[in-house]
């Protein structure tokens, strides 16, 4: 495999095309908070993988999550100013949503630019 597209086309590596939701910063009008605009886009072919032991060390101290993954993608997923969220359907067809908390990269490899986006899913009490 000579380039990133070939790598992501490999069925053992690519796991899907994920929906990313981006929230713009809120504004304030006469002291009232107005939510920012919301936009969505897809990642294109990407690979969503469980975290390795080394990746688990990247979790911020005190971050309690029910699931953490790494998304290897060419999409411009962001953590700031507001974290992007990534949604995907699991094996049972249930849509799960993760929030981006750390991005490693961008890296140039296999003829393309990619990022390792670390995602966490938290239960809302």
Foldseek 3Di string as FASTA:
>chain_A
DQAPVVVLVPPVFWDDKKKKKDWDPWDADPRDTHTGDIDIDIQPTKGKAFDDPVRVVPPDPPDDFPGKIKIKTQDDADPPPHWMKIWDADPVRDIAIWTFDDKADQDCDSNGTIITTMTGHHDDD
